[in-house]
Protein backbone atom coordinates (compact mmCIF):
# COMPACT_ATOMS: atom_id res chain seq x y z
CA UNK A 1 -26.16 -100.92 -15.87
CA UNK A 2 -26.75 -103.39 -18.67
CA UNK A 3 -27.04 -102.31 -22.29
CA UNK A 4 -28.36 -104.48 -25.09
CA UNK A 5 -28.68 -103.30 -28.68
CA UNK A 6 -30.30 -105.40 -31.37
CA UNK A 7 -30.37 -104.39 -35.02
CA UNK A 8 -28.97 -101.39 -36.78
CA UNK A 9 -30.89 -98.48 -38.21
CA UNK A 10 -30.30 -94.84 -38.97
CA UNK A 11 -32.98 -92.74 -37.28
CA UNK A 12 -34.13 -89.23 -38.09
CA UNK A 13 -32.35 -86.73 -35.85
CA UNK A 14 -35.52 -85.71 -34.01
CA UNK A 15 -36.37 -89.34 -33.20
CA UNK A 16 -32.86 -90.10 -31.99
CA UNK A 17 -32.81 -86.97 -29.83
CA UNK A 18 -36.18 -87.67 -28.19
CA UNK A 19 -35.33 -91.33 -27.52
CA UNK A 20 -32.08 -90.21 -25.91
CA UNK A 21 -33.88 -87.67 -23.71
CA UNK A 22 -36.51 -90.21 -22.65
CA UNK A 23 -33.73 -92.66 -21.75
CA UNK A 24 -31.93 -89.96 -19.76
CA UNK A 25 -35.08 -89.10 -17.81
CA UNK A 26 -35.84 -92.75 -17.13
CA UNK A 27 -32.28 -93.40 -15.92
CA UNK A 28 -32.45 -90.29 -13.78
CA UNK A 29 -35.67 -91.56 -12.18
CA UNK A 30 -34.11 -94.98 -11.52
CA UNK A 31 -31.21 -93.36 -9.68
CA UNK A 32 -32.98 -90.52 -7.87
CA UNK A 33 -36.29 -92.10 -6.93
CA UNK A 34 -36.22 -95.87 -7.36
CA UNK A 35 -32.96 -96.60 -5.56
CA UNK A 36 -32.36 -99.28 -8.19
CA UNK A 37 -29.29 -101.47 -8.03
CA UNK A 38 -29.63 -102.70 -11.60
CA UNK A 39 -30.90 -100.90 -14.68
CA UNK A 40 -31.15 -102.44 -18.13
CA UNK A 41 -31.47 -100.49 -21.37
CA UNK A 42 -32.64 -102.45 -24.41
CA UNK A 43 -32.78 -100.94 -27.88
CA UNK A 44 -34.25 -103.09 -30.64
CA UNK A 45 -34.24 -101.75 -34.19
CA UNK A 46 -35.80 -103.33 -37.23
CA UNK A 47 -37.04 -101.88 -40.52
CA UNK A 48 -40.59 -101.37 -39.20
CA UNK A 49 -40.04 -100.07 -35.69
CA UNK A 50 -37.69 -99.16 -32.88
CA UNK A 51 -38.34 -100.18 -29.28
CA UNK A 52 -36.46 -98.62 -26.38
CA UNK A 53 -37.01 -100.33 -23.03
CA UNK A 54 -35.53 -99.28 -19.69
CA UNK A 55 -36.13 -101.58 -16.71
CA UNK A 56 -34.95 -101.33 -13.13
CA UNK A 57 -35.14 -103.39 -9.97
CA UNK A 58 -35.97 -100.41 -7.78
CA UNK A 59 -38.73 -99.89 -5.29
CA UNK A 60 -41.40 -99.25 -7.93
CA UNK A 61 -44.30 -96.84 -7.74
CA UNK A 62 -48.01 -96.50 -8.38
CA UNK A 63 -48.25 -95.22 -11.95
CA UNK A 64 -51.65 -93.65 -11.20
CA UNK A 65 -50.44 -91.69 -8.15
CA UNK A 66 -47.46 -89.56 -9.10
CA UNK A 67 -46.76 -86.95 -6.39
CA UNK A 68 -47.13 -83.27 -7.22
CA UNK A 69 -43.96 -81.72 -8.53
CA UNK A 70 -42.79 -84.92 -10.27
CA UNK A 71 -43.07 -84.19 -13.99
CA UNK A 72 -40.74 -86.81 -15.45
CA UNK A 73 -43.43 -89.12 -16.83
CA UNK A 74 -45.39 -86.21 -18.26
CA UNK A 75 -42.29 -84.94 -20.04
CA UNK A 76 -41.50 -88.42 -21.37
CA UNK A 77 -45.07 -88.74 -22.72
CA UNK A 78 -44.78 -85.36 -24.42
CA UNK A 79 -41.43 -86.27 -25.98
CA UNK A 80 -42.81 -89.57 -27.27
CA UNK A 81 -45.85 -87.78 -28.67
CA UNK A 82 -43.66 -85.29 -30.52
CA UNK A 83 -42.21 -88.12 -32.63
CA UNK A 84 -45.41 -90.17 -32.93
CA UNK A 85 -44.16 -92.86 -30.55
CA UNK A 86 -46.07 -94.73 -27.86
CA UNK A 87 -44.81 -94.57 -24.29
CA UNK A 88 -45.61 -97.39 -21.89
CA UNK A 89 -44.94 -97.31 -18.16
CA UNK A 90 -45.38 -100.34 -15.94
CA UNK A 91 -44.48 -100.51 -12.28
CA UNK A 92 -45.66 -101.82 -8.97
CA UNK A 93 -44.59 -101.10 -5.44
CA UNK A 94 -41.46 -103.15 -4.60
CA UNK A 95 -41.51 -104.55 -8.14
CA UNK A 96 -39.27 -102.26 -10.15
CA UNK A 97 -40.32 -100.30 -13.21
CA UNK A 98 -40.29 -100.53 -16.98
CA UNK A 99 -40.49 -97.66 -19.41
CA UNK A 100 -40.88 -98.51 -23.08
CA UNK A 101 -41.04 -96.36 -26.18
CA UNK A 102 -42.16 -97.78 -29.50
CA UNK A 103 -41.63 -95.74 -32.65
CA UNK A 104 -42.85 -96.97 -36.03
C-alpha cells in the first residue's frame, strides 16, 4: 500500500470519522473483491477542501452493475452524504478502481 498526504488541516470529528470509514470500506473492497496487488491512498488537504482518493490495480468492475448483497458503495455514498461530501467511483473491468471523496 502507498500512502501520500499533502497539506495539514484539522477536520471536524464527524468528517474525519466518515472519511476514515469510507477509506476502510474502499480498502476492504480492494482486498476482498478486486484482488489488487497495489493500493494507493491519497489525502490532499487545503483551506477550501479535502480530497481523499483510493486507487487500486485490481480487476475492476462495472459501476452500474453491482451484484445483489454488495452494499459497500451504497454505504460509502451515504457516509459521504452525511458530511456533505461528494463521492466519485470510477472503474472498468480489468482496469482497477478509484474512489474519491471531496469535502468542502
